[in-house]
Amino acid sequence: MLESLCTLITALTCVSAVTVLTQKPTVVSLSRGESVTMDCNLGTVTNRAAHWYKQIHFYSSINIRLSFDDQ
């Protein structure tokens, strides 16, 4: 069975404050047709931008839906 390895990577640009990133789980292995939920929290970003990237190994057809909570 073809497995996908998805890792959500955060790249922060020009962050002047200390930034804390928590991501659970850090790496997820899936089989085709399975879904996953990852909890990512980024704290202490002041007047700067955070960029989120998806990294995929063993390419297969993947649909991604991201949602952001304003907390």
PDB file of N, CA and C in Angstrom:
ATOM      1  N   MET A   1       0.849  -1.165   0.000  1.00  0.00           N
ATOM      2  CA  MET A   1       0.000   0.000   0.000  1.00  0.00           C
ATOM      3  C   MET A   1       0.900   1.235   0.000  1.00  0.00           C
ATOM      4  N   LEU A   2       0.583   2.164  -0.908  1.00  0.00           N
ATOM      5  CA  LEU A   2       1.365   3.393  -1.006  1.00  0.00           C
ATOM      6  C   LEU A   2       1.105   4.283   0.197  1.00  0.00           C
ATOM      7  N   GLU A   3       2.163   4.692   0.868  1.00  0.00           N
ATOM      8  CA  GLU A   3       2.009   5.553   2.043  1.00  0.00           C
ATOM      9  C   GLU A   3       2.498   6.956   1.737  1.00  0.00           C
ATOM     10  N   SER A   4       1.883   7.914   2.345  1.00  0.00           N
ATOM     11  CA  SER A   4       2.288   9.313   2.208  1.00  0.00           C
ATOM     12  C   SER A   4       2.847   9.776   3.536  1.00  0.00           C
ATOM     13  N   LEU A   5       3.884  10.556   3.462  1.00  0.00           N
ATOM     14  CA  LEU A   5       4.464  11.131   4.665  1.00  0.00           C
ATOM     15  C   LEU A   5       4.307  12.635   4.559  1.00  0.00           C
ATOM     16  N   CYS A   6       3.489  13.199   5.425  1.00  0.00           N
ATOM     17  CA  CYS A   6       3.221  14.635   5.381  1.00  0.00           C
ATOM     18  C   CYS A   6       3.859  15.300   6.583  1.00  0.00           C
ATOM     19  N   THR A   7       4.559  16.352   6.321  1.00  0.00           N
ATOM     20  CA  THR A   7       5.147  17.130   7.394  1.00  0.00           C
ATOM     21  C   THR A   7       4.814  18.584   7.150  1.00  0.00           C
ATOM     22  N   LEU A   8       4.293  19.238   8.153  1.00  0.00           N
ATOM     23  CA  LEU A   8       4.001  20.652   8.045  1.00  0.00           C
ATOM     24  C   LEU A   8       5.198  21.406   8.582  1.00  0.00           C
ATOM     25  N   ILE A   9       5.758  22.258   7.739  1.00  0.00           N
ATOM     26  CA  ILE A   9       6.971  22.977   8.097  1.00  0.00           C
ATOM     27  C   ILE A   9       6.657  24.461   8.185  1.00  0.00           C
ATOM     28  N   THR A  10       7.189  25.091   9.182  1.00  0.00           N
ATOM     29  CA  THR A  10       6.974  26.518   9.349  1.00  0.00           C
ATOM     30  C   THR A  10       8.253  27.277   9.055  1.00  0.00           C
ATOM     31  N   ALA A  11       8.145  28.287   8.213  1.00  0.00           N
ATOM     32  CA  ALA A  11       9.268  29.179   7.954  1.00  0.00           C
ATOM     33  C   ALA A  11       8.851  30.570   8.388  1.00  0.00           C
ATOM     34  N   LEU A  12       9.586  31.128   9.303  1.00  0.00           N
ATOM     35  CA  LEU A  12       9.261  32.462   9.806  1.00  0.00           C
ATOM     36  C   LEU A  12      10.224  33.468   9.200  1.00  0.00           C
ATOM     37  N   THR A  13       9.683  34.585   8.729  1.00  0.00           N
ATOM     38  CA  THR A  13      10.529  35.588   8.116  1.00  0.00           C
ATOM     39  C   THR A  13      10.557  36.848   8.966  1.00  0.00           C
ATOM     40  N   CYS A  14      11.755  37.349   9.214  1.00  0.00           N
ATOM     41  CA  CYS A  14      11.950  38.633   9.903  1.00  0.00           C
ATOM     42  C   CYS A  14      11.200  38.724  11.225  1.00  0.00           C
ATOM     43  N   VAL A  15      11.305  37.742  12.043  1.00  0.00           N
ATOM     44  CA  VAL A  15      10.604  37.770  13.326  1.00  0.00           C
ATOM     45  C   VAL A  15      11.527  38.398  14.358  1.00  0.00           C
ATOM     46  N   SER A  16      11.064  39.482  14.965  1.00  0.00           N
ATOM     47  CA  SER A  16      11.907  40.195  15.915  1.00  0.00           C
ATOM     48  C   SER A  16      11.769  39.668  17.336  1.00  0.00           C
ATOM     49  N   ALA A  17      10.675  38.994  17.645  1.00  0.00           N
ATOM     50  CA  ALA A  17      10.450  38.453  18.983  1.00  0.00           C
ATOM     51  C   ALA A  17      10.759  36.962  18.985  1.00  0.00           C
ATOM     52  N   VAL A  18      10.843  36.388  20.172  1.00  0.00           N
ATOM     53  CA  VAL A  18      11.035  34.948  20.285  1.00  0.00           C
ATOM     54  C   VAL A  18       9.737  34.270  19.870  1.00  0.00           C
ATOM     55  N   THR A  19       9.842  33.294  18.984  1.00  0.00           N
ATOM     56  CA  THR A  19       8.660  32.613  18.465  1.00  0.00           C
ATOM     57  C   THR A  19       8.626  31.182  18.969  1.00  0.00           C
ATOM     58  N   VAL A  20       7.470  30.748  19.417  1.00  0.00           N
ATOM     59  CA  VAL A  20       7.290  29.386  19.898  1.00  0.00           C
ATOM     60  C   VAL A  20       6.309  28.683  18.975  1.00  0.00           C
ATOM     61  N   LEU A  21       6.730  27.554  18.431  1.00  0.00           N
ATOM     62  CA  LEU A  21       5.880  26.755  17.551  1.00  0.00           C
ATOM     63  C   LEU A  21       5.646  25.406  18.194  1.00  0.00           C
ATOM     64  N   THR A  22       4.393  25.004  18.291  1.00  0.00           N
ATOM     65  CA  THR A  22       4.076  23.647  18.721  1.00  0.00           C
ATOM     66  C   THR A  22       3.256  23.002  17.624  1.00  0.00           C
ATOM     67  N   GLN A  23       3.609  21.788  17.288  1.00  0.00           N
ATOM     68  CA  GLN A  23       2.935  21.041  16.230  1.00  0.00           C
ATOM     69  C   GLN A  23       2.796  19.602  16.687  1.00  0.00           C
ATOM     70  N   LYS A  24       1.553  19.098  16.738  1.00  0.00           N
ATOM     71  CA  LYS A  24       1.302  17.730  17.193  1.00  0.00           C
ATOM     72  C   LYS A  24       0.383  17.024  16.215  1.00  0.00           C
ATOM     73  N   PRO A  25       0.713  15.862  15.761  1.00  0.00           N
ATOM     74  CA  PRO A  25       2.035  15.231  15.822  1.00  0.00           C
ATOM     75  C   PRO A  25       2.989  15.922  14.856  1.00  0.00           C
ATOM     76  N   THR A  26       4.295  15.721  15.025  1.00  0.00           N
ATOM     77  CA  THR A  26       5.261  16.388  14.161  1.00  0.00           C
ATOM     78  C   THR A  26       5.337  15.747  12.783  1.00  0.00           C
ATOM     79  N   VAL A  27       5.148  14.440  12.704  1.00  0.00           N
ATOM     80  CA  VAL A  27       5.164  13.710  11.431  1.00  0.00           C
ATOM     81  C   VAL A  27       4.006  12.730  11.428  1.00  0.00           C
ATOM     82  N   VAL A  28       3.340  12.587  10.274  1.00  0.00           N
ATOM     83  CA  VAL A  28       2.200  11.682  10.163  1.00  0.00           C
ATOM     84  C   VAL A  28       2.388  10.793   8.942  1.00  0.00           C
ATOM     85  N   SER A  29       2.249   9.483   9.115  1.00  0.00           N
ATOM     86  CA  SER A  29       2.275   8.544   7.997  1.00  0.00           C
ATOM     87  C   SER A  29       0.854   8.087   7.721  1.00  0.00           C
ATOM     88  N   LEU A  30       0.449   8.154   6.451  1.00  0.00           N
ATOM     89  CA  LEU A  30      -0.920   7.813   6.067  1.00  0.00           C
ATOM     90  C   LEU A  30      -0.934   6.824   4.930  1.00  0.00           C
ATOM     91  N   SER A  31      -1.986   6.052   4.877  1.00  0.00           N
ATOM     92  CA  SER A  31      -2.261   5.224   3.713  1.00  0.00           C
ATOM     93  C   SER A  31      -3.284   5.956   2.867  1.00  0.00           C
ATOM     94  N   ARG A  32      -3.331   5.657   1.592  1.00  0.00           N
ATOM     95  CA  ARG A  32      -4.268   6.309   0.683  1.00  0.00           C
ATOM     96  C   ARG A  32      -5.693   6.188   1.216  1.00  0.00           C
ATOM     97  N   GLY A  33      -6.414   7.319   1.210  1.00  0.00           N
ATOM     98  CA  GLY A  33      -7.796   7.336   1.665  1.00  0.00           C
ATOM     99  C   GLY A  33      -7.970   7.711   3.125  1.00  0.00           C
ATOM    100  N   GLU A  34      -6.890   7.718   3.901  1.00  0.00           N
ATOM    101  CA  GLU A  34      -6.974   8.095   5.311  1.00  0.00           C
ATOM    102  C   GLU A  34      -6.892   9.613   5.451  1.00  0.00           C
ATOM    103  N   SER A  35      -7.428  10.132   6.549  1.00  0.00           N
ATOM    104  CA  SER A  35      -7.337  11.566   6.818  1.00  0.00           C
ATOM    105  C   SER A  35      -6.560  11.779   8.110  1.00  0.00           C
ATOM    106  N   VAL A  36      -6.128  13.016   8.304  1.00  0.00           N
ATOM    107  CA  VAL A  36      -5.339  13.336   9.487  1.00  0.00           C
ATOM    108  C   VAL A  36      -5.688  14.744   9.958  1.00  0.00           C
ATOM    109  N   THR A  37      -5.562  14.971  11.257  1.00  0.00           N
ATOM    110  CA  THR A  37      -5.690  16.305  11.825  1.00  0.00           C
ATOM    111  C   THR A  37      -4.396  16.623  12.558  1.00  0.00           C
ATOM    112  N   MET A  38      -3.819  17.776  12.249  1.00  0.00           N
ATOM    113  CA  MET A  38      -2.607  18.221  12.928  1.00  0.00           C
ATOM    114  C   MET A  38      -2.914  19.525  13.642  1.00  0.00           C
ATOM    115  N   ASP A  39      -2.446  19.656  14.875  1.00  0.00           N
ATOM    116  CA  ASP A  39      -2.652  20.857  15.669  1.00  0.00           C
ATOM    117  C   ASP A  39      -1.362  21.670  15.665  1.00  0.00           C
ATOM    118  N   CYS A  40      -1.418  22.863  15.081  1.00  0.00           N
ATOM    119  CA  CYS A  40      -0.241  23.720  14.994  1.00  0.00           C
ATOM    120  C   CYS A  40      -0.536  25.060  15.646  1.00  0.00           C
ATOM    121  N   ASN A  41       0.301  25.447  16.580  1.00  0.00           N
ATOM    122  CA  ASN A  41       0.133  26.718  17.284  1.00  0.00           C
ATOM    123  C   ASN A  41       1.407  27.540  17.168  1.00  0.00           C
ATOM    124  N   LEU A  42       1.242  28.794  16.808  1.00  0.00           N
ATOM    125  CA  LEU A  42       2.362  29.703  16.640  1.00  0.00           C
ATOM    126  C   LEU A  42       2.143  30.893  17.556  1.00  0.00           C
ATOM    127  N   GLY A  43       3.097  31.147  18.430  1.00  0.00           N
ATOM    128  CA  GLY A  43       2.923  32.236  19.380  1.00  0.00           C
ATOM    129  C   GLY A  43       3.990  33.302  19.254  1.00  0.00           C
ATOM    130  N   THR A  44       3.690  34.487  19.693  1.00  0.00           N
ATOM    131  CA  THR A  44       4.600  35.620  19.788  1.00  0.00           C
ATOM    132  C   THR A  44       5.145  36.077  18.435  1.00  0.00           C
ATOM    133  N   VAL A  45       4.293  36.208  17.456  1.00  0.00           N
ATOM    134  CA  VAL A  45       4.689  36.797  16.179  1.00  0.00           C
ATOM    135  C   VAL A  45       4.126  38.213  16.170  1.00  0.00           C
ATOM    136  N   THR A  46       5.006  39.198  16.148  1.00  0.00           N
ATOM    137  CA  THR A  46       4.585  40.587  16.239  1.00  0.00           C
ATOM    138  C   THR A  46       4.881  41.319  14.933  1.00  0.00           C
ATOM    139  N   ASN A  47       3.842  41.774  14.255  1.00  0.00           N
ATOM    140  CA  ASN A  47       3.974  42.558  13.022  1.00  0.00           C
ATOM    141  C   ASN A  47       4.811  41.866  11.955  1.00  0.00           C
ATOM    142  N   ARG A  48       4.797  40.577  11.909  1.00  0.00           N
ATOM    143  CA  ARG A  48       5.547  39.822  10.907  1.00  0.00           C
ATOM    144  C   ARG A  48       4.644  38.732  10.346  1.00  0.00           C
ATOM    145  N   ALA A  49       5.157  38.001   9.380  1.00  0.00           N
ATOM    146  CA  ALA A  49       4.354  36.964   8.737  1.00  0.00           C
ATOM    147  C   ALA A  49       4.920  35.583   9.023  1.00  0.00           C
ATOM    148  N   ALA A  50       4.042  34.617   9.097  1.00  0.00           N
ATOM    149  CA  ALA A  50       4.433  33.207   9.213  1.00  0.00           C
ATOM    150  C   ALA A  50       3.982  32.506   7.939  1.00  0.00           C
ATOM    151  N   HIS A  51       4.832  31.686   7.372  1.00  0.00           N
ATOM    152  CA  HIS A  51       4.518  30.963   6.143  1.00  0.00           C
ATOM    153  C   HIS A  51       4.498  29.473   6.441  1.00  0.00           C
ATOM    154  N   TRP A  52       3.423  28.800   6.037  1.00  0.00           N
ATOM    155  CA  TRP A  52       3.267  27.373   6.283  1.00  0.00           C
ATOM    156  C   TRP A  52       3.435  26.630   4.968  1.00  0.00           C
ATOM    157  N   TYR A  53       4.250  25.576   4.981  1.00  0.00           N
ATOM    158  CA  TYR A  53       4.504  24.783   3.783  1.00  0.00           C
ATOM    159  C   TYR A  53       4.155  23.326   4.042  1.00  0.00           C
ATOM    160  N   LYS A  54       3.769  22.649   2.982  1.00  0.00           N
ATOM    161  CA  LYS A  54       3.476  21.217   3.040  1.00  0.00           C
ATOM    162  C   LYS A  54       4.622  20.488   2.343  1.00  0.00           C
ATOM    163  N   GLN A  55       5.161  19.454   2.986  1.00  0.00           N
ATOM    164  CA  GLN A  55       6.213  18.650   2.389  1.00  0.00           C
ATOM    165  C   GLN A  55       5.679  17.236   2.222  1.00  0.00           C
ATOM    166  N   ILE A  56       5.781  16.687   1.011  1.00  0.00           N
ATOM    167  CA  ILE A  56       5.237  15.354   0.737  1.00  0.00           C
ATOM    168  C   ILE A  56       6.336  14.460   0.173  1.00  0.00           C
ATOM    169  N   HIS A  57       6.485  13.286   0.769  1.00  0.00           N
ATOM    170  CA  HIS A  57       7.379  12.252   0.259  1.00  0.00           C
ATOM    171  C   HIS A  57       6.505  11.153  -0.335  1.00  0.00           C
ATOM    172  N   PHE A  58       7.008  10.417  -1.291  1.00  0.00           N
ATOM    173  CA  PHE A  58       6.252   9.344  -1.936  1.00  0.00           C
ATOM    174  C   PHE A  58       4.957   9.915  -2.512  1.00  0.00           C
ATOM    175  N   TYR A  59       5.079  10.785  -3.468  1.00  0.00           N
ATOM    176  CA  TYR A  59       3.964  11.555  -4.033  1.00  0.00           C
ATOM    177  C   TYR A  59       2.755  10.690  -4.376  1.00  0.00           C
ATOM    178  N   SER A  60       1.627  11.162  -3.966  1.00  0.00           N
ATOM    179  CA  SER A  60       0.344  10.589  -4.370  1.00  0.00           C
ATOM    180  C   SER A  60      -0.658  11.729  -4.407  1.00  0.00           C
ATOM    181  N   SER A  61      -1.852  11.459  -4.858  1.00  0.00           N
ATOM    182  CA  SER A  61      -2.875  12.490  -4.932  1.00  0.00           C
ATOM    183  C   SER A  61      -3.347  12.837  -3.523  1.00  0.00           C
ATOM    184  N   ILE A  62      -3.126  14.082  -3.109  1.00  0.00           N
ATOM    185  CA  ILE A  62      -3.461  14.493  -1.750  1.00  0.00           C
ATOM    186  C   ILE A  62      -4.286  15.772  -1.789  1.00  0.00           C
ATOM    187  N   ASN A  63      -5.383  15.793  -1.060  1.00  0.00           N
ATOM    188  CA  ASN A  63      -6.191  16.996  -0.897  1.00  0.00           C
ATOM    189  C   ASN A  63      -5.935  17.541   0.492  1.00  0.00           C
ATOM    190  N   ILE A  64      -5.666  18.835   0.588  1.00  0.00           N
ATOM    191  CA  ILE A  64      -5.373  19.442   1.880  1.00  0.00           C
ATOM    192  C   ILE A  64      -6.353  20.568   2.156  1.00  0.00           C
ATOM    193  N   ARG A  65      -6.886  20.581   3.364  1.00  0.00           N
ATOM    194  CA  ARG A  65      -7.783  21.650   3.807  1.00  0.00           C
ATOM    195  C   ARG A  65      -7.224  22.189   5.123  1.00  0.00           C
ATOM    196  N   LEU A  66      -6.899  23.470   5.143  1.00  0.00           N
ATOM    197  CA  LEU A  66      -6.365  24.099   6.344  1.00  0.00           C
ATOM    198  C   LEU A  66      -7.413  25.020   6.936  1.00  0.00           C
ATOM    199  N   SER A  67      -7.497  25.038   8.253  1.00  0.00           N
ATOM    200  CA  SER A  67      -8.373  25.995   8.928  1.00  0.00           C
ATOM    201  C   SER A  67      -7.569  26.682  10.019  1.00  0.00           C
ATOM    202  N   PHE A  68      -7.879  27.936  10.261  1.00  0.00           N
ATOM    203  CA  PHE A  68      -7.156  28.726  11.242  1.00  0.00           C
ATOM    204  C   PHE A  68      -8.125  29.258  12.273  1.00  0.00           C
ATOM    205  N   ASP A  69      -7.773  29.103  13.534  1.00  0.00           N
ATOM    206  CA  ASP A  69      -8.578  29.624  14.637  1.00  0.00           C
ATOM    207  C   ASP A  69      -7.944  30.913  15.131  1.00  0.00           C
ATOM    208  N   ASP A  70      -8.732  31.974  15.252  1.00  0.00           N
ATOM    209  CA  ASP A  70      -8.248  33.233  15.817  1.00  0.00           C
ATOM    210  C   ASP A  70      -8.433  33.183  17.322  1.00  0.00           C
ATOM    211  N   GLN A  71      -7.350  32.937  18.041  1.00  0.00           N
ATOM    212  CA  GLN A  71      -7.421  32.829  19.500  1.00  0.00           C
ATOM    213  C   GLN A  71      -6.402  33.725  20.130  1.00  0.00           C
TER     214      GLN A  71
END
